[in-house]
Amino acid sequence: MNQASFTHEDRKQGIRSTVLVLLLIMAVLLGMFIYRVSQPRILSAKEIVNSGAVMFETPREISAFSLLDTRGEPFTLASLKGGWTFVFFGFTHCPDICPATVAQFNELQRKLGESGNSHYAKYARDTRFLLVSLDPARDTPEVLGKYLDYFNPDFMGATGNFLQLRKFAGELNVAFRKVVTDHDSGDYTIDHGGNVALVNPRGLYQGFFKPPLDVDRMALIYRSVRMQAE
């Protein structure tokens, strides 16, 4: 009788233990599922293209170049390494697309830095923004620096001679040309592409965003690129 009673109780205890283990496994699996669902999804290459950007499967090398930053110090390929950099080519006398794009850089930086948005905030620390002036005759380092300070003192600026600018811009899929608007006064403007290039921490050309730019879409694409790189 005692042996039978002991065996019965032992079975009940075994069943309870099995049920508890199964419940624990189910809770863990449910937690993993909820965590996975709550995590941001990596956009596919097609979704990225449909969102207005092109990201290369294999990032491209950028040739060595030599420009000047807003302090008059050398700005080279090495200056792009160590962080993710959004690069836009423009000039300070530009009446529309240039100030609009730099303002969007401001919006994007704020979005990445929002403390309550954990999906973006961790990428803010090593994200940088660069305006390369295609008008070195008027955009001296000092002029370019004051222009960027108006938008954001954290933004980087660089310019240089025509050959260096053409080489750098061409490798990042941006064409430009000087257009004289008044032959008597010599006034001119710069026609240029509106792509925003993305350079990764190794100094490689990761891809580009096509105009018209949308800050929310840029943030989603950038987050996907960063997640893939982790």
Protein backbone atom coordinates (compact mmCIF):
# COMPACT_ATOMS: atom_id res chain seq x y z
CA MET A 1 0.00 0.00 0.00
CA ASN A 2 2.74 2.45 0.97
CA GLN A 3 4.71 1.54 -2.12
CA ALA A 4 1.63 2.01 -4.33
CA SER A 5 0.81 5.32 -2.63
CA PHE A 6 4.38 6.52 -3.09
CA THR A 7 4.34 5.55 -6.77
CA HIS A 8 1.06 7.38 -7.32
CA GLU A 9 2.29 10.54 -5.66
CA ASP A 10 5.52 10.27 -7.57
CA ARG A 11 3.61 10.11 -10.84
CA LYS A 12 1.55 13.17 -9.92
CA GLN A 13 4.68 15.07 -9.06
CA GLY A 14 6.24 14.02 -12.37
CA ILE A 15 3.18 15.20 -14.28
CA ARG A 16 3.24 18.55 -12.47
CA SER A 17 6.93 18.98 -13.25
CA THR A 18 6.36 18.12 -16.90
CA VAL A 19 3.50 20.61 -17.16
CA LEU A 20 5.61 23.33 -15.53
CA VAL A 21 8.48 22.67 -17.94
CA LEU A 22 6.13 22.78 -20.91
CA LEU A 23 4.59 26.03 -19.65
CA LEU A 24 8.05 27.50 -19.18
CA ILE A 25 9.07 26.49 -22.71
CA MET A 26 5.87 27.99 -24.11
CA ALA A 27 6.48 31.22 -22.19
CA VAL A 28 10.05 31.45 -23.53
CA LEU A 29 8.91 30.78 -27.10
CA LEU A 30 6.11 33.32 -26.76
CA GLY A 31 8.57 35.88 -25.38
CA MET A 32 10.96 35.24 -28.27
CA PHE A 33 8.11 35.63 -30.76
CA ILE A 34 6.93 38.89 -29.21
CA TYR A 35 10.50 40.21 -29.15
CA ARG A 36 11.06 39.26 -32.78
CA VAL A 37 7.79 40.85 -33.89
CA SER A 38 8.58 44.04 -31.98
CA GLN A 39 11.99 44.41 -33.63
CA PRO A 40 12.36 46.55 -36.75
CA ARG A 41 12.45 44.63 -40.01
CA ILE A 42 15.34 44.85 -42.46
CA LEU A 43 14.08 46.19 -45.77
CA SER A 44 14.80 44.10 -48.86
CA ALA A 45 16.82 45.53 -51.74
CA LYS A 46 13.61 45.94 -53.75
CA GLU A 47 11.89 47.76 -50.89
CA ILE A 48 14.90 50.07 -50.56
CA VAL A 49 14.77 50.90 -54.27
CA ASN A 50 11.01 51.48 -54.07
CA SER A 51 11.66 53.82 -51.14
CA GLY A 52 13.97 55.99 -53.23
CA ALA A 53 17.47 54.67 -52.59
CA VAL A 54 20.09 52.31 -53.96
CA MET A 55 22.34 50.41 -51.57
CA PHE A 56 25.11 48.33 -53.06
CA GLU A 57 25.46 44.68 -52.16
CA THR A 58 29.22 45.25 -52.16
CA PRO A 59 30.21 48.79 -51.08
CA ARG A 60 32.47 50.58 -53.58
CA GLU A 61 35.92 51.98 -53.02
CA ILE A 62 36.46 55.74 -53.17
CA SER A 63 39.68 57.06 -54.67
CA ALA A 64 41.98 59.23 -52.57
CA PHE A 65 41.11 62.94 -52.69
CA SER A 66 42.31 66.11 -51.00
CA LEU A 67 39.93 68.92 -50.02
CA LEU A 68 39.80 71.55 -47.27
CA ASP A 69 37.38 71.54 -44.34
CA THR A 70 35.72 74.61 -42.81
CA ARG A 71 38.82 75.31 -40.70
CA GLY A 72 41.09 75.24 -43.72
CA GLU A 73 42.52 71.88 -42.67
CA PRO A 74 42.96 68.92 -45.06
CA PHE A 75 39.85 66.84 -45.62
CA THR A 76 40.70 63.48 -47.17
CA LEU A 77 39.33 59.99 -47.52
CA ALA A 78 40.65 59.26 -44.03
CA SER A 79 38.33 61.99 -42.71
CA LEU A 80 35.35 59.87 -43.73
CA LYS A 81 36.46 56.78 -41.84
CA GLY A 82 35.29 55.85 -38.35
CA GLY A 83 31.64 56.80 -38.78
CA TRP A 84 28.68 56.69 -41.16
CA THR A 85 28.50 59.85 -43.28
CA PHE A 86 25.67 61.33 -45.34
CA VAL A 87 27.28 63.36 -48.14
CA PHE A 88 25.58 66.07 -50.21
CA PHE A 89 27.18 68.16 -52.96
CA GLY A 90 25.94 71.74 -53.31
CA PHE A 91 26.94 75.37 -52.72
CA THR A 92 25.96 78.21 -50.39
CA HIS A 93 24.44 80.44 -53.10
CA CYS A 94 22.04 77.66 -54.08
CA PRO A 95 18.49 79.03 -53.66
CA ASP A 96 16.49 75.85 -53.15
CA ILE A 97 17.68 72.24 -53.10
CA CYS A 98 20.83 72.88 -51.05
CA PRO A 99 19.31 74.66 -48.04
CA ALA A 100 16.35 72.26 -48.19
CA THR A 101 18.65 69.22 -48.09
CA VAL A 102 20.79 70.57 -45.24
CA ALA A 103 17.57 71.31 -43.33
CA GLN A 104 16.51 67.70 -43.94
CA PHE A 105 19.85 66.59 -42.55
CA ASN A 106 18.86 68.46 -39.41
CA GLU A 107 15.54 66.62 -39.27
CA LEU A 108 17.25 63.28 -39.83
CA GLN A 109 19.79 63.94 -37.10
CA ARG A 110 17.00 64.83 -34.69
CA LYS A 111 15.07 61.70 -35.61
CA LEU A 112 18.10 59.49 -35.05
CA GLY A 113 18.80 61.20 -31.74
CA GLU A 114 15.33 60.89 -30.24
CA SER A 115 15.91 59.35 -26.81
CA GLY A 116 12.52 57.66 -26.79
CA ASN A 117 13.09 55.90 -30.09
CA SER A 118 15.36 52.96 -29.30
CA HIS A 119 15.25 51.73 -32.90
CA TYR A 120 17.16 54.82 -34.05
CA ALA A 121 18.91 56.36 -31.06
CA LYS A 122 21.78 53.89 -30.95
CA TYR A 123 22.80 54.92 -34.47
CA ALA A 124 23.00 58.64 -33.72
CA ARG A 125 26.41 58.61 -32.04
CA ASP A 126 28.46 57.70 -35.11
CA THR A 127 26.35 59.35 -37.82
CA ARG A 128 27.74 62.45 -39.52
CA PHE A 129 26.58 64.89 -42.18
CA LEU A 130 28.81 66.50 -44.81
CA LEU A 131 28.19 69.28 -47.33
CA VAL A 132 30.76 69.43 -50.12
CA SER A 133 30.71 72.80 -51.88
CA LEU A 134 31.08 72.72 -55.65
CA ASP A 135 31.73 76.48 -55.69
CA PRO A 136 35.21 76.97 -54.15
CA ALA A 137 35.60 80.44 -55.69
CA ARG A 138 32.84 81.84 -53.49
CA ASP A 139 32.62 79.18 -50.79
CA THR A 140 35.85 79.62 -48.90
CA PRO A 141 36.25 77.44 -45.81
CA GLU A 142 35.15 80.41 -43.67
CA VAL A 143 32.05 81.11 -45.76
CA LEU A 144 31.11 77.44 -45.82
CA GLY A 145 31.62 77.16 -42.07
CA LYS A 146 29.32 80.12 -41.32
CA TYR A 147 26.69 78.70 -43.67
CA LEU A 148 26.68 75.32 -41.91
CA ASP A 149 26.73 76.91 -38.45
CA TYR A 150 23.41 78.53 -39.33
CA PHE A 151 21.89 75.06 -39.78
CA ASN A 152 23.90 72.92 -37.39
CA PRO A 153 27.42 73.49 -35.98
CA ASP A 154 27.95 69.72 -35.88
CA PHE A 155 27.74 69.40 -39.66
CA MET A 156 30.96 69.03 -41.64
CA GLY A 157 31.88 71.01 -44.73
CA ALA A 158 34.59 70.69 -47.38
CA THR A 159 35.59 72.11 -50.74
CA GLY A 160 38.61 72.18 -53.03
CA ASN A 161 39.83 72.58 -56.58
CA PHE A 162 37.73 71.57 -59.56
CA LEU A 163 39.59 68.38 -60.44
CA GLN A 164 39.42 67.03 -56.88
CA LEU A 165 35.74 67.92 -56.61
CA ARG A 166 34.89 66.37 -59.97
CA LYS A 167 36.66 63.14 -59.08
CA PHE A 168 35.06 62.84 -55.65
CA ALA A 169 31.56 63.83 -56.83
CA GLY A 170 31.75 61.57 -59.89
CA GLU A 171 32.57 58.51 -57.81
CA LEU A 172 29.51 59.23 -55.66
CA ASN A 173 27.24 59.52 -58.72
CA VAL A 174 26.86 63.30 -58.65
CA ALA A 175 27.40 65.35 -61.83
CA PHE A 176 27.79 69.13 -61.81
CA ARG A 177 28.69 72.03 -64.07
CA LYS A 178 29.12 75.79 -63.85
CA VAL A 179 26.48 77.78 -65.74
CA VAL A 180 26.99 81.49 -66.44
CA THR A 181 23.74 83.39 -65.84
CA ASP A 182 24.94 86.88 -66.74
CA HIS A 183 27.84 87.30 -69.15
CA ASP A 184 28.24 91.01 -68.38
CA SER A 185 28.60 90.59 -64.63
CA GLY A 186 30.02 87.10 -64.73
CA ASP A 187 27.35 85.80 -62.37
CA TYR A 188 26.92 82.06 -62.43
CA THR A 189 25.22 79.15 -60.77
CA ILE A 190 26.11 75.48 -60.32
CA ASP A 191 23.89 72.82 -61.83
CA HIS A 192 24.31 69.64 -59.80
CA GLY A 193 22.67 66.35 -58.95
CA GLY A 194 20.62 66.00 -55.79
CA ASN A 195 21.70 62.53 -54.63
CA VAL A 196 22.76 62.07 -51.03
CA ALA A 197 25.56 59.52 -50.75
CA LEU A 198 26.13 57.26 -47.76
CA VAL A 199 29.72 56.39 -46.83
CA ASN A 200 30.37 53.65 -44.29
CA PRO A 201 32.99 53.67 -41.48
CA ARG A 202 35.57 52.00 -43.73
CA GLY A 203 35.39 54.90 -46.14
CA LEU A 204 33.47 52.88 -48.72
CA TYR A 205 30.56 54.13 -50.81
CA GLN A 206 27.56 52.26 -49.39
CA GLY A 207 24.88 53.68 -51.67
CA PHE A 208 22.77 56.76 -52.29
CA PHE A 209 19.37 58.35 -51.69
CA LYS A 210 17.59 59.86 -54.70
CA PRO A 211 15.60 63.10 -54.65
CA PRO A 212 12.99 64.02 -53.69
CA LEU A 213 14.20 63.11 -50.22
CA ASP A 214 11.91 61.99 -47.43
CA VAL A 215 13.38 61.97 -43.91
CA ASP A 216 11.18 59.13 -42.62
CA ARG A 217 12.07 56.88 -45.55
CA MET A 218 15.76 57.79 -45.24
CA ALA A 219 15.70 56.83 -41.57
CA LEU A 220 14.06 53.47 -42.31
CA ILE A 221 16.57 52.67 -45.04
CA TYR A 222 19.51 53.79 -42.93
CA ARG A 223 18.33 51.64 -40.02
CA SER A 224 18.11 48.61 -42.33
CA VAL A 225 21.64 49.23 -43.62
CA ARG A 226 22.96 49.53 -40.09
CA MET A 227 21.15 46.40 -38.94
CA GLN A 228 22.63 44.43 -41.84
CA ALA A 229 26.08 45.70 -40.90
CA GLU A 230 25.78 44.58 -37.26
